[in-house]
């Protein structure tokens, strides 16, 4: 699965890991991450992420 990188802080969203602390379970593809999800490091929105 494709990873996505925050253009503001460099955080990498890895679909295999998800973001359980924010309610995104492991195995969740980027397309299925909620639109209101925010980067756990800097708070950036999905629009600030780019495919790795």
PDB file of N, CA and C in Angstrom:
ATOM      1  N   UNK A   1       0.844  -1.197   0.000  1.00  0.00           N
ATOM      2  CA  UNK A   1       0.000   0.000   0.000  1.00  0.00           C
ATOM      3  C   UNK A   1       0.885   1.254   0.000  1.00  0.00           C
ATOM      4  N   UNK A   2       0.371   2.283  -0.616  1.00  0.00           N
ATOM      5  CA  UNK A   2       1.077   3.561  -0.772  1.00  0.00           C
ATOM      6  C   UNK A   2       1.167   4.304   0.561  1.00  0.00           C
ATOM      7  N   UNK A   3       2.353   4.833   0.864  1.00  0.00           N
ATOM      8  CA  UNK A   3       2.535   5.667   2.050  1.00  0.00           C
ATOM      9  C   UNK A   3       2.378   7.121   1.652  1.00  0.00           C
ATOM     10  N   UNK A   4       2.001   7.959   2.605  1.00  0.00           N
ATOM     11  CA  UNK A   4       1.817   9.390   2.363  1.00  0.00           C
ATOM     12  C   UNK A   4       2.610  10.186   3.387  1.00  0.00           C
ATOM     13  N   UNK A   5       3.222  11.288   2.927  1.00  0.00           N
ATOM     14  CA  UNK A   5       4.111  12.088   3.761  1.00  0.00           C
ATOM     15  C   UNK A   5       3.519  13.482   3.972  1.00  0.00           C
ATOM     16  N   UNK A   6       3.551  13.949   5.221  1.00  0.00           N
ATOM     17  CA  UNK A   6       3.096  15.302   5.547  1.00  0.00           C
ATOM     18  C   UNK A   6       4.128  16.296   5.004  1.00  0.00           C
ATOM     19  N   UNK A   7       3.676  17.229   4.179  1.00  0.00           N
ATOM     20  CA  UNK A   7       4.598  18.199   3.582  1.00  0.00           C
ATOM     21  C   UNK A   7       5.035  19.260   4.587  1.00  0.00           C
ATOM     22  N   UNK A   8       4.392  19.314   5.751  1.00  0.00           N
ATOM     23  CA  UNK A   8       4.753  20.313   6.758  1.00  0.00           C
ATOM     24  C   UNK A   8       5.793  19.799   7.752  1.00  0.00           C
ATOM     25  N   UNK A   9       5.648  18.526   8.186  1.00  0.00           N
ATOM     26  CA  UNK A   9       6.563  18.037   9.231  1.00  0.00           C
ATOM     27  C   UNK A   9       7.298  16.760   8.873  1.00  0.00           C
ATOM     28  N   UNK A  10       6.913  16.092   7.782  1.00  0.00           N
ATOM     29  CA  UNK A  10       7.601  14.880   7.375  1.00  0.00           C
ATOM     30  C   UNK A  10       7.040  13.583   7.937  1.00  0.00           C
ATOM     31  N   UNK A  11       5.968  13.662   8.724  1.00  0.00           N
ATOM     32  CA  UNK A  11       5.339  12.439   9.250  1.00  0.00           C
ATOM     33  C   UNK A  11       4.910  11.556   8.077  1.00  0.00           C
ATOM     34  N   UNK A  12       5.145  10.250   8.200  1.00  0.00           N
ATOM     35  CA  UNK A  12       4.759   9.309   7.156  1.00  0.00           C
ATOM     36  C   UNK A  12       3.562   8.498   7.637  1.00  0.00           C
ATOM     37  N   UNK A  13       2.450   8.575   6.882  1.00  0.00           N
ATOM     38  CA  UNK A  13       1.295   7.719   7.166  1.00  0.00           C
ATOM     39  C   UNK A  13       1.520   6.403   6.433  1.00  0.00           C
ATOM     40  N   UNK A  14       1.636   5.339   7.198  1.00  0.00           N
ATOM     41  CA  UNK A  14       1.831   3.999   6.655  1.00  0.00           C
ATOM     42  C   UNK A  14       0.526   3.230   6.843  1.00  0.00           C
ATOM     43  N   UNK A  15      -0.147   2.871   5.747  1.00  0.00           N
ATOM     44  CA  UNK A  15      -1.429   2.169   5.865  1.00  0.00           C
ATOM     45  C   UNK A  15      -1.341   0.871   6.650  1.00  0.00           C
ATOM     46  N   UNK A  16      -0.194   0.210   6.607  1.00  0.00           N
ATOM     47  CA  UNK A  16      -0.051  -1.040   7.357  1.00  0.00           C
ATOM     48  C   UNK A  16      -0.106  -0.798   8.860  1.00  0.00           C
ATOM     49  N   UNK A  17       0.316   0.382   9.301  1.00  0.00           N
ATOM     50  CA  UNK A  17       0.309   0.718  10.725  1.00  0.00           C
ATOM     51  C   UNK A  17      -0.939   1.489  11.124  1.00  0.00           C
ATOM     52  N   UNK A  18      -1.491   2.277  10.184  1.00  0.00           N
ATOM     53  CA  UNK A  18      -2.627   3.132  10.500  1.00  0.00           C
ATOM     54  C   UNK A  18      -2.230   4.200  11.509  1.00  0.00           C
ATOM     55  N   UNK A  19      -3.202   4.695  12.244  1.00  0.00           N
ATOM     56  CA  UNK A  19      -2.973   5.658  13.325  1.00  0.00           C
ATOM     57  C   UNK A  19      -3.978   5.339  14.425  1.00  0.00           C
ATOM     58  N   UNK A  20      -3.760   4.201  15.130  1.00  0.00           N
ATOM     59  CA  UNK A  20      -4.729   3.745  16.133  1.00  0.00           C
ATOM     60  C   UNK A  20      -5.074   4.787  17.197  1.00  0.00           C
ATOM     61  N   UNK A  21      -4.121   5.642  17.558  1.00  0.00           N
ATOM     62  CA  UNK A  21      -4.394   6.658  18.576  1.00  0.00           C
ATOM     63  C   UNK A  21      -5.461   7.649  18.110  1.00  0.00           C
ATOM     64  N   UNK A  22      -5.633   7.763  16.792  1.00  0.00           N
ATOM     65  CA  UNK A  22      -6.633   8.672  16.228  1.00  0.00           C
ATOM     66  C   UNK A  22      -7.817   7.908  15.646  1.00  0.00           C
ATOM     67  N   UNK A  23      -7.900   6.617  15.919  1.00  0.00           N
ATOM     68  CA  UNK A  23      -9.042   5.824  15.471  1.00  0.00           C
ATOM     69  C   UNK A  23      -8.922   5.260  14.069  1.00  0.00           C
ATOM     70  N   UNK A  24      -7.727   5.329  13.470  1.00  0.00           N
ATOM     71  CA  UNK A  24      -7.510   4.767  12.134  1.00  0.00           C
ATOM     72  C   UNK A  24      -6.785   3.425  12.309  1.00  0.00           C
ATOM     73  N   UNK A  25      -7.493   2.355  12.046  1.00  0.00           N
ATOM     74  CA  UNK A  25      -6.973   1.022  12.304  1.00  0.00           C
ATOM     75  C   UNK A  25      -5.887   0.620  11.317  1.00  0.00           C
ATOM     76  N   UNK A  26      -4.957  -0.247  11.741  1.00  0.00           N
ATOM     77  CA  UNK A  26      -3.957  -0.779  10.815  1.00  0.00           C
ATOM     78  C   UNK A  26      -4.646  -1.415   9.614  1.00  0.00           C
ATOM     79  N   UNK A  27      -4.058  -1.223   8.434  1.00  0.00           N
ATOM     80  CA  UNK A  27      -4.638  -1.757   7.214  1.00  0.00           C
ATOM     81  C   UNK A  27      -5.568  -0.787   6.503  1.00  0.00           C
ATOM     82  N   UNK A  28      -5.711   0.439   7.047  1.00  0.00           N
ATOM     83  CA  UNK A  28      -6.598   1.431   6.447  1.00  0.00           C
ATOM     84  C   UNK A  28      -5.885   2.175   5.324  1.00  0.00           C
ATOM     85  N   UNK A  29      -6.369   1.998   4.092  1.00  0.00           N
ATOM     86  CA  UNK A  29      -5.796   2.688   2.940  1.00  0.00           C
ATOM     87  C   UNK A  29      -6.034   4.192   3.082  1.00  0.00           C
ATOM     88  N   UNK A  30      -5.149   4.974   2.494  1.00  0.00           N
ATOM     89  CA  UNK A  30      -5.225   6.434   2.572  1.00  0.00           C
ATOM     90  C   UNK A  30      -6.601   6.934   2.141  1.00  0.00           C
ATOM     91  N   UNK A  31      -7.152   6.345   1.094  1.00  0.00           N
ATOM     92  CA  UNK A  31      -8.456   6.767   0.577  1.00  0.00           C
ATOM     93  C   UNK A  31      -9.568   6.592   1.606  1.00  0.00           C
ATOM     94  N   UNK A  32      -9.351   5.682   2.569  1.00  0.00           N
ATOM     95  CA  UNK A  32     -10.369   5.396   3.581  1.00  0.00           C
ATOM     96  C   UNK A  32     -10.127   6.104   4.914  1.00  0.00           C
ATOM     97  N   UNK A  33      -9.031   6.872   4.999  1.00  0.00           N
ATOM     98  CA  UNK A  33      -8.782   7.671   6.200  1.00  0.00           C
ATOM     99  C   UNK A  33      -9.810   8.805   6.205  1.00  0.00           C
ATOM    100  N   UNK A  34     -10.483   9.055   7.325  1.00  0.00           N
ATOM    101  CA  UNK A  34     -11.500  10.114   7.362  1.00  0.00           C
ATOM    102  C   UNK A  34     -10.952  11.473   6.926  1.00  0.00           C
ATOM    103  N   UNK A  35     -11.782  12.257   6.258  1.00  0.00           N
ATOM    104  CA  UNK A  35     -11.366  13.570   5.747  1.00  0.00           C
ATOM    105  C   UNK A  35     -10.997  14.534   6.875  1.00  0.00           C
ATOM    106  N   UNK A  36     -11.542  14.310   8.076  1.00  0.00           N
ATOM    107  CA  UNK A  36     -11.242  15.213   9.190  1.00  0.00           C
ATOM    108  C   UNK A  36     -10.037  14.733  10.019  1.00  0.00           C
ATOM    109  N   UNK A  37      -9.371  13.670   9.568  1.00  0.00           N
ATOM    110  CA  UNK A  37      -8.172  13.180  10.254  1.00  0.00           C
ATOM    111  C   UNK A  37      -7.082  14.234  10.130  1.00  0.00           C
ATOM    112  N   UNK A  38      -6.230  14.344  11.144  1.00  0.00           N
ATOM    113  CA  UNK A  38      -5.130  15.313  11.135  1.00  0.00           C
ATOM    114  C   UNK A  38      -3.816  14.613  11.473  1.00  0.00           C
ATOM    115  N   UNK A  39      -2.739  15.152  10.955  1.00  0.00           N
ATOM    116  CA  UNK A  39      -1.407  14.637  11.236  1.00  0.00           C
ATOM    117  C   UNK A  39      -1.210  14.590  12.748  1.00  0.00           C
ATOM    118  N   UNK A  40      -0.789  13.435  13.290  1.00  0.00           N
ATOM    119  CA  UNK A  40      -0.615  13.333  14.741  1.00  0.00           C
ATOM    120  C   UNK A  40       0.547  14.162  15.279  1.00  0.00           C
ATOM    121  N   UNK A  41       1.455  14.606  14.419  1.00  0.00           N
ATOM    122  CA  UNK A  41       2.590  15.399  14.887  1.00  0.00           C
ATOM    123  C   UNK A  41       2.334  16.900  14.826  1.00  0.00           C
ATOM    124  N   UNK A  42       1.739  17.364  13.712  1.00  0.00           N
ATOM    125  CA  UNK A  42       1.605  18.822  13.554  1.00  0.00           C
ATOM    126  C   UNK A  42       0.176  19.303  13.338  1.00  0.00           C
ATOM    127  N   UNK A  43      -0.768  18.385  13.179  1.00  0.00           N
ATOM    128  CA  UNK A  43      -2.155  18.788  13.025  1.00  0.00           C
ATOM    129  C   UNK A  43      -2.578  19.131  11.599  1.00  0.00           C
ATOM    130  N   UNK A  44      -1.685  18.933  10.629  1.00  0.00           N
ATOM    131  CA  UNK A  44      -2.019  19.232   9.233  1.00  0.00           C
ATOM    132  C   UNK A  44      -3.143  18.309   8.744  1.00  0.00           C
ATOM    133  N   UNK A  45      -3.921  18.787   7.788  1.00  0.00           N
ATOM    134  CA  UNK A  45      -5.001  17.990   7.223  1.00  0.00           C
ATOM    135  C   UNK A  45      -4.517  17.092   6.106  1.00  0.00           C
ATOM    136  N   UNK A  46      -5.420  16.238   5.621  1.00  0.00           N
ATOM    137  CA  UNK A  46      -5.068  15.294   4.555  1.00  0.00           C
ATOM    138  C   UNK A  46      -4.558  16.001   3.309  1.00  0.00           C
ATOM    139  N   UNK A  47      -5.031  17.209   3.053  1.00  0.00           N
ATOM    140  CA  UNK A  47      -4.620  17.949   1.852  1.00  0.00           C
ATOM    141  C   UNK A  47      -3.135  18.287   1.873  1.00  0.00           C
ATOM    142  N   UNK A  48      -2.528  18.262   3.051  1.00  0.00           N
ATOM    143  CA  UNK A  48      -1.115  18.585   3.184  1.00  0.00           C
ATOM    144  C   UNK A  48      -0.206  17.364   3.032  1.00  0.00           C
ATOM    145  N   UNK A  49      -0.766  16.226   2.666  1.00  0.00           N
ATOM    146  CA  UNK A  49       0.009  15.005   2.479  1.00  0.00           C
ATOM    147  C   UNK A  49       0.191  14.709   1.003  1.00  0.00           C
ATOM    148  N   UNK A  50       1.353  14.128   0.685  1.00  0.00           N
ATOM    149  CA  UNK A  50       1.665  13.743  -0.685  1.00  0.00           C
ATOM    150  C   UNK A  50       2.108  12.299  -0.697  1.00  0.00           C
ATOM    151  N   UNK A  51       1.833  11.598  -1.800  1.00  0.00           N
ATOM    152  CA  UNK A  51       2.275  10.220  -1.947  1.00  0.00           C
ATOM    153  C   UNK A  51       3.787  10.148  -1.878  1.00  0.00           C
ATOM    154  N   UNK A  52       4.278   9.144  -1.189  1.00  0.00           N
ATOM    155  CA  UNK A  52       5.727   8.975  -1.038  1.00  0.00           C
ATOM    156  C   UNK A  52       6.329   8.377  -2.301  1.00  0.00           C
TER     157      UNK A  52
END
